[in-house]
């Protein structure tokens, strides 16, 4: 997904949706998420903590610097997203899976 497409799309997504969209391409450190998602840092931090608590994403703390946190989509949640996209595909076309971000999970 290009930066322009993501910029347009994030206006349509909740903060949680934006976080998932950012993480779809792979692990990201917190500062990358803060710089990409359209919300304040405290709001994003709160959403990240809730998503970790719900098992949707996994937080990995750096061994070198405890202040650095990396986030990834939990494998089971990635599978759920892939299954949902598979259901949506006949309704909205193959564009929904073009990025290939969830292809490995399906």
PDB file of N, CA and C in Angstrom:
ATOM      1  N   UNK A   1       0.853  -1.172   0.000  1.00  0.00           N
ATOM      2  CA  UNK A   1       0.000   0.000   0.000  1.00  0.00           C
ATOM      3  C   UNK A   1       0.896   1.231   0.000  1.00  0.00           C
ATOM      4  N   UNK A   2       0.636   2.133  -0.941  1.00  0.00           N
ATOM      5  CA  UNK A   2       1.458   3.341  -1.015  1.00  0.00           C
ATOM      6  C   UNK A   2       1.119   4.283   0.129  1.00  0.00           C
ATOM      7  N   UNK A   3       2.035   5.226   0.389  1.00  0.00           N
ATOM      8  CA  UNK A   3       1.818   6.196   1.467  1.00  0.00           C
ATOM      9  C   UNK A   3       0.564   7.026   1.209  1.00  0.00           C
ATOM     10  N   UNK A   4       0.310   7.409  -0.068  1.00  0.00           N
ATOM     11  CA  UNK A   4      -0.890   8.184  -0.399  1.00  0.00           C
ATOM     12  C   UNK A   4      -2.157   7.382  -0.142  1.00  0.00           C
ATOM     13  N   UNK A   5      -2.155   6.104  -0.519  1.00  0.00           N
ATOM     14  CA  UNK A   5      -3.312   5.256  -0.275  1.00  0.00           C
ATOM     15  C   UNK A   5      -3.545   5.098   1.218  1.00  0.00           C
ATOM     16  N   UNK A   6      -2.460   4.919   1.982  1.00  0.00           N
ATOM     17  CA  UNK A   6      -2.615   4.771   3.420  1.00  0.00           C
ATOM     18  C   UNK A   6      -3.133   6.063   4.035  1.00  0.00           C
ATOM     19  N   UNK A   7      -2.640   7.204   3.592  1.00  0.00           N
ATOM     20  CA  UNK A   7      -3.091   8.491   4.126  1.00  0.00           C
ATOM     21  C   UNK A   7      -4.579   8.667   3.921  1.00  0.00           C
ATOM     22  N   UNK A   8      -5.072   8.316   2.727  1.00  0.00           N
ATOM     23  CA  UNK A   8      -6.503   8.411   2.470  1.00  0.00           C
ATOM     24  C   UNK A   8      -7.266   7.415   3.335  1.00  0.00           C
ATOM     25  N   UNK A   9      -6.788   6.175   3.363  1.00  0.00           N
ATOM     26  CA  UNK A   9      -7.474   5.116   4.085  1.00  0.00           C
ATOM     27  C   UNK A   9      -7.533   5.322   5.583  1.00  0.00           C
ATOM     28  N   UNK A  10      -6.524   5.923   6.154  1.00  0.00           N
ATOM     29  CA  UNK A  10      -6.516   6.058   7.613  1.00  0.00           C
ATOM     30  C   UNK A  10      -7.598   6.998   8.108  1.00  0.00           C
ATOM     31  N   UNK A  11      -8.073   7.894   7.256  1.00  0.00           N
ATOM     32  CA  UNK A  11      -9.190   8.749   7.653  1.00  0.00           C
ATOM     33  C   UNK A  11     -10.453   7.928   7.844  1.00  0.00           C
ATOM     34  N   UNK A  12     -10.506   6.775   7.211  1.00  0.00           N
ATOM     35  CA  UNK A  12     -11.684   5.918   7.276  1.00  0.00           C
ATOM     36  C   UNK A  12     -11.589   4.874   8.390  1.00  0.00           C
ATOM     37  N   UNK A  13     -10.416   4.733   8.991  1.00  0.00           N
ATOM     38  CA  UNK A  13     -10.190   3.693   9.991  1.00  0.00           C
ATOM     39  C   UNK A  13     -10.161   4.262  11.407  1.00  0.00           C
ATOM     40  N   UNK A  14     -10.579   3.442  12.358  1.00  0.00           N
ATOM     41  CA  UNK A  14     -10.414   3.787  13.769  1.00  0.00           C
ATOM     42  C   UNK A  14      -8.923   3.774  14.095  1.00  0.00           C
ATOM     43  N   UNK A  15      -8.575   4.227  15.277  1.00  0.00           N
ATOM     44  CA  UNK A  15      -7.162   4.198  15.698  1.00  0.00           C
ATOM     45  C   UNK A  15      -6.656   2.757  15.685  1.00  0.00           C
ATOM     46  N   UNK A  16      -7.469   1.834  16.191  1.00  0.00           N
ATOM     47  CA  UNK A  16      -7.063   0.425  16.191  1.00  0.00           C
ATOM     48  C   UNK A  16      -6.856  -0.085  14.769  1.00  0.00           C
ATOM     49  N   UNK A  17      -7.743   0.297  13.859  1.00  0.00           N
ATOM     50  CA  UNK A  17      -7.611  -0.108  12.461  1.00  0.00           C
ATOM     51  C   UNK A  17      -6.342   0.432  11.833  1.00  0.00           C
ATOM     52  N   UNK A  18      -6.009   1.676  12.171  1.00  0.00           N
ATOM     53  CA  UNK A  18      -4.775   2.271  11.654  1.00  0.00           C
ATOM     54  C   UNK A  18      -3.561   1.526  12.187  1.00  0.00           C
ATOM     55  N   UNK A  19      -3.596   1.155  13.461  1.00  0.00           N
ATOM     56  CA  UNK A  19      -2.477   0.413  14.064  1.00  0.00           C
ATOM     57  C   UNK A  19      -2.297  -0.924  13.345  1.00  0.00           C
ATOM     58  N   UNK A  20      -3.395  -1.639  13.114  1.00  0.00           N
ATOM     59  CA  UNK A  20      -3.323  -2.920  12.412  1.00  0.00           C
ATOM     60  C   UNK A  20      -2.787  -2.714  10.996  1.00  0.00           C
ATOM     61  N   UNK A  21      -3.239  -1.653  10.320  1.00  0.00           N
ATOM     62  CA  UNK A  21      -2.761  -1.368   8.963  1.00  0.00           C
ATOM     63  C   UNK A  21      -1.262  -1.120   8.948  1.00  0.00           C
ATOM     64  N   UNK A  22      -0.752  -0.407   9.951  1.00  0.00           N
ATOM     65  CA  UNK A  22       0.686  -0.129  10.037  1.00  0.00           C
ATOM     66  C   UNK A  22       1.451  -1.425  10.299  1.00  0.00           C
ATOM     67  N   UNK A  23       0.924  -2.268  11.177  1.00  0.00           N
ATOM     68  CA  UNK A  23       1.614  -3.499  11.545  1.00  0.00           C
ATOM     69  C   UNK A  23       1.474  -4.608  10.502  1.00  0.00           C
ATOM     70  N   UNK A  24       0.562  -4.438   9.543  1.00  0.00           N
ATOM     71  CA  UNK A  24       0.342  -5.477   8.530  1.00  0.00           C
ATOM     72  C   UNK A  24       1.598  -5.769   7.720  1.00  0.00           C
ATOM     73  N   UNK A  25       2.451  -4.765   7.576  1.00  0.00           N
ATOM     74  CA  UNK A  25       3.675  -4.970   6.784  1.00  0.00           C
ATOM     75  C   UNK A  25       4.836  -5.522   7.609  1.00  0.00           C
ATOM     76  N   UNK A  26       4.621  -5.700   8.909  1.00  0.00           N
ATOM     77  CA  UNK A  26       5.669  -6.273   9.749  1.00  0.00           C
ATOM     78  C   UNK A  26       5.830  -5.534  11.061  1.00  0.00           C
ATOM     79  N   UNK A  27       6.750  -6.002  11.910  1.00  0.00           N
ATOM     80  CA  UNK A  27       6.956  -5.391  13.217  1.00  0.00           C
ATOM     81  C   UNK A  27       7.330  -3.913  13.103  1.00  0.00           C
ATOM     82  N   UNK A  28       6.845  -3.123  14.054  1.00  0.00           N
ATOM     83  CA  UNK A  28       7.157  -1.688  14.094  1.00  0.00           C
ATOM     84  C   UNK A  28       7.449  -1.291  15.538  1.00  0.00           C
ATOM     85  N   UNK A  29       8.420  -0.385  15.695  1.00  0.00           N
ATOM     86  CA  UNK A  29       8.659   0.166  17.024  1.00  0.00           C
ATOM     87  C   UNK A  29       7.597   1.232  17.280  1.00  0.00           C
ATOM     88  N   UNK A  30       7.378   1.521  18.550  1.00  0.00           N
ATOM     89  CA  UNK A  30       6.305   2.434  18.935  1.00  0.00           C
ATOM     90  C   UNK A  30       6.405   3.778  18.231  1.00  0.00           C
ATOM     91  N   UNK A  31       7.598   4.324  18.105  1.00  0.00           N
ATOM     92  CA  UNK A  31       7.736   5.645  17.480  1.00  0.00           C
ATOM     93  C   UNK A  31       7.266   5.637  16.028  1.00  0.00           C
ATOM     94  N   UNK A  32       7.453   4.520  15.313  1.00  0.00           N
ATOM     95  CA  UNK A  32       6.957   4.418  13.935  1.00  0.00           C
ATOM     96  C   UNK A  32       5.432   4.457  13.912  1.00  0.00           C
ATOM     97  N   UNK A  33       4.821   3.813  14.878  1.00  0.00           N
ATOM     98  CA  UNK A  33       3.356   3.811  14.965  1.00  0.00           C
ATOM     99  C   UNK A  33       2.862   5.215  15.303  1.00  0.00           C
ATOM    100  N   UNK A  34       3.506   5.868  16.278  1.00  0.00           N
ATOM    101  CA  UNK A  34       3.103   7.231  16.660  1.00  0.00           C
ATOM    102  C   UNK A  34       3.195   8.191  15.480  1.00  0.00           C
ATOM    103  N   UNK A  35       4.208   8.023  14.639  1.00  0.00           N
ATOM    104  CA  UNK A  35       4.411   8.924  13.497  1.00  0.00           C
ATOM    105  C   UNK A  35       3.452   8.663  12.342  1.00  0.00           C
ATOM    106  N   UNK A  36       2.805   7.508  12.323  1.00  0.00           N
ATOM    107  CA  UNK A  36       1.962   7.143  11.193  1.00  0.00           C
ATOM    108  C   UNK A  36       0.469   7.253  11.499  1.00  0.00           C
ATOM    109  N   UNK A  37       0.076   6.908  12.708  1.00  0.00           N
ATOM    110  CA  UNK A  37      -1.344   6.889  13.075  1.00  0.00           C
ATOM    111  C   UNK A  37      -1.837   8.298  13.390  1.00  0.00           C
ATOM    112  N   UNK A  38      -3.047   8.592  12.947  1.00  0.00           N
ATOM    113  CA  UNK A  38      -3.645   9.921  13.144  1.00  0.00           C
ATOM    114  C   UNK A  38      -4.340  10.008  14.503  1.00  0.00           C
ATOM    115  N   UNK A  39      -3.542  10.149  15.541  1.00  0.00           N
ATOM    116  CA  UNK A  39      -4.054  10.308  16.905  1.00  0.00           C
ATOM    117  C   UNK A  39      -2.891  10.777  17.771  1.00  0.00           C
ATOM    118  N   UNK A  40      -3.231  11.235  18.968  1.00  0.00           N
ATOM    119  CA  UNK A  40      -2.183  11.699  19.880  1.00  0.00           C
ATOM    120  C   UNK A  40      -1.413  10.506  20.434  1.00  0.00           C
ATOM    121  N   UNK A  41      -0.190  10.757  20.900  1.00  0.00           N
ATOM    122  CA  UNK A  41       0.629   9.683  21.460  1.00  0.00           C
ATOM    123  C   UNK A  41      -0.056   9.010  22.650  1.00  0.00           C
ATOM    124  N   UNK A  42      -0.662   9.770  23.587  1.00  0.00           N
ATOM    125  CA  UNK A  42      -1.342   9.089  24.702  1.00  0.00           C
ATOM    126  C   UNK A  42      -2.493   8.186  24.238  1.00  0.00           C
ATOM    127  N   UNK A  43      -3.233   8.628  23.229  1.00  0.00           N
ATOM    128  CA  UNK A  43      -4.334   7.810  22.705  1.00  0.00           C
ATOM    129  C   UNK A  43      -3.794   6.535  22.075  1.00  0.00           C
ATOM    130  N   UNK A  44      -2.748   6.670  21.279  1.00  0.00           N
ATOM    131  CA  UNK A  44      -2.156   5.492  20.631  1.00  0.00           C
ATOM    132  C   UNK A  44      -1.601   4.535  21.686  1.00  0.00           C
ATOM    133  N   UNK A  45      -0.926   5.074  22.695  1.00  0.00           N
ATOM    134  CA  UNK A  45      -0.376   4.231  23.769  1.00  0.00           C
ATOM    135  C   UNK A  45      -1.482   3.463  24.478  1.00  0.00           C
ATOM    136  N   UNK A  46      -2.593   4.139  24.732  1.00  0.00           N
ATOM    137  CA  UNK A  46      -3.735   3.497  25.391  1.00  0.00           C
ATOM    138  C   UNK A  46      -4.303   2.380  24.513  1.00  0.00           C
ATOM    139  N   UNK A  47      -4.450   2.645  23.230  1.00  0.00           N
ATOM    140  CA  UNK A  47      -4.979   1.639  22.301  1.00  0.00           C
ATOM    141  C   UNK A  47      -4.023   0.458  22.183  1.00  0.00           C
ATOM    142  N   UNK A  48      -2.718   0.729  22.106  1.00  0.00           N
ATOM    143  CA  UNK A  48      -1.738  -0.356  22.039  1.00  0.00           C
ATOM    144  C   UNK A  48      -1.851  -1.251  23.273  1.00  0.00           C
ATOM    145  N   UNK A  49      -1.942  -0.643  24.445  1.00  0.00           N
ATOM    146  CA  UNK A  49      -2.044  -1.417  25.692  1.00  0.00           C
ATOM    147  C   UNK A  49      -3.311  -2.273  25.698  1.00  0.00           C
ATOM    148  N   UNK A  50      -4.418  -1.712  25.241  1.00  0.00           N
ATOM    149  CA  UNK A  50      -5.672  -2.483  25.187  1.00  0.00           C
ATOM    150  C   UNK A  50      -5.576  -3.632  24.190  1.00  0.00           C
ATOM    151  N   UNK A  51      -4.950  -3.354  23.045  1.00  0.00           N
ATOM    152  CA  UNK A  51      -4.820  -4.397  22.029  1.00  0.00           C
ATOM    153  C   UNK A  51      -3.895  -5.521  22.497  1.00  0.00           C
ATOM    154  N   UNK A  52      -2.861  -5.178  23.254  1.00  0.00           N
ATOM    155  CA  UNK A  52      -1.975  -6.189  23.839  1.00  0.00           C
ATOM    156  C   UNK A  52      -2.767  -7.024  24.844  1.00  0.00           C
ATOM    157  N   UNK A  53      -3.546  -6.351  25.702  1.00  0.00           N
ATOM    158  CA  UNK A  53      -4.335  -7.047  26.721  1.00  0.00           C
ATOM    159  C   UNK A  53      -5.365  -7.992  26.094  1.00  0.00           C
ATOM    160  N   UNK A  54      -5.904  -7.621  24.927  1.00  0.00           N
ATOM    161  CA  UNK A  54      -6.897  -8.451  24.238  1.00  0.00           C
ATOM    162  C   UNK A  54      -6.252  -9.541  23.386  1.00  0.00           C
ATOM    163  N   UNK A  55      -4.923  -9.540  23.277  1.00  0.00           N
ATOM    164  CA  UNK A  55      -4.227 -10.565  22.508  1.00  0.00           C
ATOM    165  C   UNK A  55      -4.205 -10.318  21.016  1.00  0.00           C
ATOM    166  N   UNK A  56      -4.546  -9.104  20.580  1.00  0.00           N
ATOM    167  CA  UNK A  56      -4.553  -8.789  19.157  1.00  0.00           C
ATOM    168  C   UNK A  56      -3.152  -8.501  18.631  1.00  0.00           C
ATOM    169  N   UNK A  57      -2.337  -7.894  19.465  1.00  0.00           N
ATOM    170  CA  UNK A  57      -0.951  -7.611  19.094  1.00  0.00           C
ATOM    171  C   UNK A  57      -0.037  -8.071  20.222  1.00  0.00           C
ATOM    172  N   UNK A  58       1.232  -8.206  19.900  1.00  0.00           N
ATOM    173  CA  UNK A  58       2.236  -8.638  20.872  1.00  0.00           C
ATOM    174  C   UNK A  58       3.251  -7.513  21.030  1.00  0.00           C
ATOM    175  N   UNK A  59       3.600  -7.231  22.274  1.00  0.00           N
ATOM    176  CA  UNK A  59       4.607  -6.211  22.580  1.00  0.00           C
ATOM    177  C   UNK A  59       5.907  -6.906  22.962  1.00  0.00           C
ATOM    178  N   UNK A  60       6.995  -6.493  22.307  1.00  0.00           N
ATOM    179  CA  UNK A  60       8.310  -7.050  22.604  1.00  0.00           C
ATOM    180  C   UNK A  60       9.191  -5.917  23.108  1.00  0.00           C
ATOM    181  N   UNK A  61       9.711  -6.074  24.320  1.00  0.00           N
ATOM    182  CA  UNK A  61      10.578  -5.052  24.897  1.00  0.00           C
ATOM    183  C   UNK A  61      12.026  -5.321  24.502  1.00  0.00           C
ATOM    184  N   UNK A  62      12.725  -4.279  24.105  1.00  0.00           N
ATOM    185  CA  UNK A  62      14.118  -4.400  23.706  1.00  0.00           C
ATOM    186  C   UNK A  62      14.973  -4.807  24.904  1.00  0.00           C
ATOM    187  N   UNK A  63      15.903  -5.704  24.666  1.00  0.00           N
ATOM    188  CA  UNK A  63      16.830  -6.118  25.721  1.00  0.00           C
ATOM    189  C   UNK A  63      17.880  -5.033  25.966  1.00  0.00           C
ATOM    190  N   UNK A  64      18.216  -4.272  24.899  1.00  0.00           N
ATOM    191  CA  UNK A  64      19.245  -3.240  25.000  1.00  0.00           C
ATOM    192  C   UNK A  64      18.724  -1.959  25.651  1.00  0.00           C
ATOM    193  N   UNK A  65      17.485  -1.602  25.339  1.00  0.00           N
ATOM    194  CA  UNK A  65      16.914  -0.352  25.836  1.00  0.00           C
ATOM    195  C   UNK A  65      15.458  -0.610  26.207  1.00  0.00           C
ATOM    196  N   UNK A  66      15.171  -0.678  27.490  1.00  0.00           N
ATOM    197  CA  UNK A  66      13.829  -1.027  27.964  1.00  0.00           C
ATOM    198  C   UNK A  66      12.748  -0.049  27.509  1.00  0.00           C
ATOM    199  N   UNK A  67      13.162   1.125  27.084  1.00  0.00           N
ATOM    200  CA  UNK A  67      12.183   2.124  26.624  1.00  0.00           C
ATOM    201  C   UNK A  67      11.670   1.813  25.226  1.00  0.00           C
ATOM    202  N   UNK A  68      12.387   0.984  24.483  1.00  0.00           N
ATOM    203  CA  UNK A  68      12.012   0.673  23.099  1.00  0.00           C
ATOM    204  C   UNK A  68      11.107  -0.560  23.084  1.00  0.00           C
ATOM    205  N   UNK A  69       9.928  -0.367  22.506  1.00  0.00           N
ATOM    206  CA  UNK A  69       8.958  -1.450  22.390  1.00  0.00           C
ATOM    207  C   UNK A  69       8.651  -1.688  20.912  1.00  0.00           C
ATOM    208  N   UNK A  70       8.618  -2.954  20.544  1.00  0.00           N
ATOM    209  CA  UNK A  70       8.264  -3.346  19.185  1.00  0.00           C
ATOM    210  C   UNK A  70       6.930  -4.071  19.255  1.00  0.00           C
ATOM    211  N   UNK A  71       6.093  -3.810  18.261  1.00  0.00           N
ATOM    212  CA  UNK A  71       4.766  -4.430  18.221  1.00  0.00           C
ATOM    213  C   UNK A  71       4.609  -5.235  16.947  1.00  0.00           C
ATOM    214  N   UNK A  72       3.924  -6.377  17.070  1.00  0.00           N
ATOM    215  CA  UNK A  72       3.582  -7.213  15.926  1.00  0.00           C
ATOM    216  C   UNK A  72       2.129  -7.668  16.093  1.00  0.00           C
ATOM    217  N   UNK A  73       1.507  -8.036  14.988  1.00  0.00           N
ATOM    218  CA  UNK A  73       0.163  -8.600  15.065  1.00  0.00           C
ATOM    219  C   UNK A  73       0.290 -10.028  15.572  1.00  0.00           C
ATOM    220  N   UNK A  74      -0.534 -10.384  16.555  1.00  0.00           N
ATOM    221  CA  UNK A  74      -0.525 -11.752  17.077  1.00  0.00           C
ATOM    222  C   UNK A  74      -0.929 -12.715  15.964  1.00  0.00           C
ATOM    223  N   UNK A  75      -0.248 -13.862  15.858  1.00  0.00           N
ATOM    224  CA  UNK A  75      -0.538 -14.800  14.774  1.00  0.00           C
ATOM    225  C   UNK A  75      -2.013 -15.199  14.681  1.00  0.00           C
ATOM    226  N   UNK A  76      -2.655 -15.451  15.794  1.00  0.00           N
ATOM    227  CA  UNK A  76      -4.062 -15.865  15.766  1.00  0.00           C
ATOM    228  C   UNK A  76      -4.945 -14.725  15.260  1.00  0.00           C
ATOM    229  N   UNK A  77      -4.597 -13.491  15.597  1.00  0.00           N
ATOM    230  CA  UNK A  77      -5.373 -12.337  15.119  1.00  0.00           C
ATOM    231  C   UNK A  77      -5.124 -12.131  13.625  1.00  0.00           C
ATOM    232  N   UNK A  78      -3.898 -12.336  13.186  1.00  0.00           N
ATOM    233  CA  UNK A  78      -3.575 -12.237  11.755  1.00  0.00           C
ATOM    234  C   UNK A  78      -4.403 -13.261  10.970  1.00  0.00           C
ATOM    235  N   UNK A  79      -4.543 -14.463  11.503  1.00  0.00           N
ATOM    236  CA  UNK A  79      -5.346 -15.492  10.847  1.00  0.00           C
ATOM    237  C   UNK A  79      -6.818 -15.073  10.788  1.00  0.00           C
ATOM    238  N   UNK A  80      -7.310 -14.471  11.856  1.00  0.00           N
ATOM    239  CA  UNK A  80      -8.700 -13.997  11.876  1.00  0.00           C
ATOM    240  C   UNK A  80      -8.928 -12.925  10.818  1.00  0.00           C
ATOM    241  N   UNK A  81      -7.985 -12.019  10.679  1.00  0.00           N
ATOM    242  CA  UNK A  81      -8.088 -10.957   9.674  1.00  0.00           C
ATOM    243  C   UNK A  81      -8.077 -11.570   8.275  1.00  0.00           C
ATOM    244  N   UNK A  82      -7.180 -12.518   8.042  1.00  0.00           N
ATOM    245  CA  UNK A  82      -7.091 -13.169   6.735  1.00  0.00           C
ATOM    246  C   UNK A  82      -8.401 -13.888   6.394  1.00  0.00           C
ATOM    247  N   UNK A  83      -8.986 -14.553   7.385  1.00  0.00           N
ATOM    248  CA  UNK A  83     -10.255 -15.247   7.153  1.00  0.00           C
ATOM    249  C   UNK A  83     -11.362 -14.247   6.832  1.00  0.00           C
ATOM    250  N   UNK A  84     -11.374 -13.131   7.530  1.00  0.00           N
ATOM    251  CA  UNK A  84     -12.380 -12.093   7.286  1.00  0.00           C
ATOM    252  C   UNK A  84     -12.207 -11.505   5.883  1.00  0.00           C
ATOM    253  N   UNK A  85     -10.978 -11.249   5.477  1.00  0.00           N
ATOM    254  CA  UNK A  85     -10.720 -10.721   4.137  1.00  0.00           C
ATOM    255  C   UNK A  85     -11.160 -11.708   3.060  1.00  0.00           C
ATOM    256  N   UNK A  86     -11.014 -12.998   3.346  1.00  0.00           N
ATOM    257  CA  UNK A  86     -11.426 -14.019   2.397  1.00  0.00           C
ATOM    258  C   UNK A  86     -12.950 -13.983   2.216  1.00  0.00           C
ATOM    259  N   UNK A  87     -13.678 -13.719   3.290  1.00  0.00           N
ATOM    260  CA  UNK A  87     -15.135 -13.595   3.214  1.00  0.00           C
ATOM    261  C   UNK A  87     -15.519 -12.351   2.427  1.00  0.00           C
ATOM    262  N   UNK A  88     -14.778 -11.250   2.633  1.00  0.00           N
ATOM    263  CA  UNK A  88     -15.092  -9.992   1.963  1.00  0.00           C
ATOM    264  C   UNK A  88     -14.739  -9.987   0.486  1.00  0.00           C
ATOM    265  N   UNK A  89     -13.759 -10.752   0.100  1.00  0.00           N
ATOM    266  CA  UNK A  89     -13.244 -10.700  -1.274  1.00  0.00           C
ATOM    267  C   UNK A  89     -14.332 -10.829  -2.345  1.00  0.00           C
ATOM    268  N   UNK A  90     -15.260 -11.791  -2.242  1.00  0.00           N
ATOM    269  CA  UNK A  90     -16.293 -11.874  -3.278  1.00  0.00           C
ATOM    270  C   UNK A  90     -17.210 -10.646  -3.302  1.00  0.00           C
ATOM    271  N   UNK A  91     -17.322  -9.972  -2.178  1.00  0.00           N
ATOM    272  CA  UNK A  91     -18.211  -8.821  -2.093  1.00  0.00           C
ATOM    273  C   UNK A  91     -17.599  -7.550  -2.661  1.00  0.00           C
ATOM    274  N   UNK A  92     -16.274  -7.377  -2.460  1.00  0.00           N
ATOM    275  CA  UNK A  92     -15.651  -6.120  -2.872  1.00  0.00           C
ATOM    276  C   UNK A  92     -14.510  -6.293  -3.861  1.00  0.00           C
ATOM    277  N   UNK A  93     -14.255  -7.506  -4.258  1.00  0.00           N
ATOM    278  CA  UNK A  93     -13.238  -7.732  -5.280  1.00  0.00           C
ATOM    279  C   UNK A  93     -11.890  -8.110  -4.704  1.00  0.00           C
ATOM    280  N   UNK A  94     -10.994  -8.474  -5.585  1.00  0.00           N
ATOM    281  CA  UNK A  94      -9.681  -8.967  -5.167  1.00  0.00           C
ATOM    282  C   UNK A  94      -8.762  -7.856  -4.684  1.00  0.00           C
ATOM    283  N   UNK A  95      -9.124  -6.589  -4.878  1.00  0.00           N
ATOM    284  CA  UNK A  95      -8.284  -5.486  -4.405  1.00  0.00           C
ATOM    285  C   UNK A  95      -8.016  -5.580  -2.914  1.00  0.00           C
ATOM    286  N   UNK A  96      -8.936  -6.180  -2.174  1.00  0.00           N
ATOM    287  CA  UNK A  96      -8.805  -6.254  -0.724  1.00  0.00           C
ATOM    288  C   UNK A  96      -7.575  -7.055  -0.318  1.00  0.00           C
ATOM    289  N   UNK A  97      -7.118  -7.966  -1.164  1.00  0.00           N
ATOM    290  CA  UNK A  97      -5.980  -8.823  -0.804  1.00  0.00           C
ATOM    291  C   UNK A  97      -4.733  -8.494  -1.621  1.00  0.00           C
ATOM    292  N   UNK A  98      -4.762  -7.446  -2.410  1.00  0.00           N
ATOM    293  CA  UNK A  98      -3.641  -7.133  -3.285  1.00  0.00           C
ATOM    294  C   UNK A  98      -2.323  -6.919  -2.554  1.00  0.00           C
ATOM    295  N   UNK A  99      -2.367  -6.319  -1.399  1.00  0.00           N
ATOM    296  CA  UNK A  99      -1.109  -6.004  -0.718  1.00  0.00           C
ATOM    297  C   UNK A  99      -0.353  -7.268  -0.318  1.00  0.00           C
ATOM    298  N   UNK A 100      -1.059  -8.384  -0.140  1.00  0.00           N
ATOM    299  CA  UNK A 100      -0.406  -9.620   0.235  1.00  0.00           C
ATOM    300  C   UNK A 100       0.024  -9.655   1.689  1.00  0.00           C
ATOM    301  N   UNK A 101      -0.350  -8.633   2.464  1.00  0.00           N
ATOM    302  CA  UNK A 101       0.096  -8.540   3.851  1.00  0.00           C
ATOM    303  C   UNK A 101      -0.370  -9.706   4.687  1.00  0.00           C
ATOM    304  N   UNK A 102      -1.524 -10.265   4.358  1.00  0.00           N
ATOM    305  CA  UNK A 102      -2.070 -11.359   5.167  1.00  0.00           C
ATOM    306  C   UNK A 102      -2.055 -12.677   4.424  1.00  0.00           C
ATOM    307  N   UNK A 103      -1.424 -12.737   3.278  1.00  0.00           N
ATOM    308  CA  UNK A 103      -1.422 -13.929   2.459  1.00  0.00           C
ATOM    309  C   UNK A 103      -0.806 -15.118   3.202  1.00  0.00           C
ATOM    310  N   UNK A 104       0.227 -14.874   3.964  1.00  0.00           N
ATOM    311  CA  UNK A 104       0.914 -15.963   4.671  1.00  0.00           C
ATOM    312  C   UNK A 104       0.025 -16.602   5.719  1.00  0.00           C
ATOM    313  N   UNK A 105      -0.933 -15.845   6.243  1.00  0.00           N
ATOM    314  CA  UNK A 105      -1.787 -16.365   7.288  1.00  0.00           C
ATOM    315  C   UNK A 105      -2.946 -17.194   6.745  1.00  0.00           C
ATOM    316  N   UNK A 106      -3.265 -17.017   5.457  1.00  0.00           N
ATOM    317  CA  UNK A 106      -4.442 -17.723   4.915  1.00  0.00           C
ATOM    318  C   UNK A 106      -4.107 -19.101   4.421  1.00  0.00           C
TER     319      UNK A 106
END
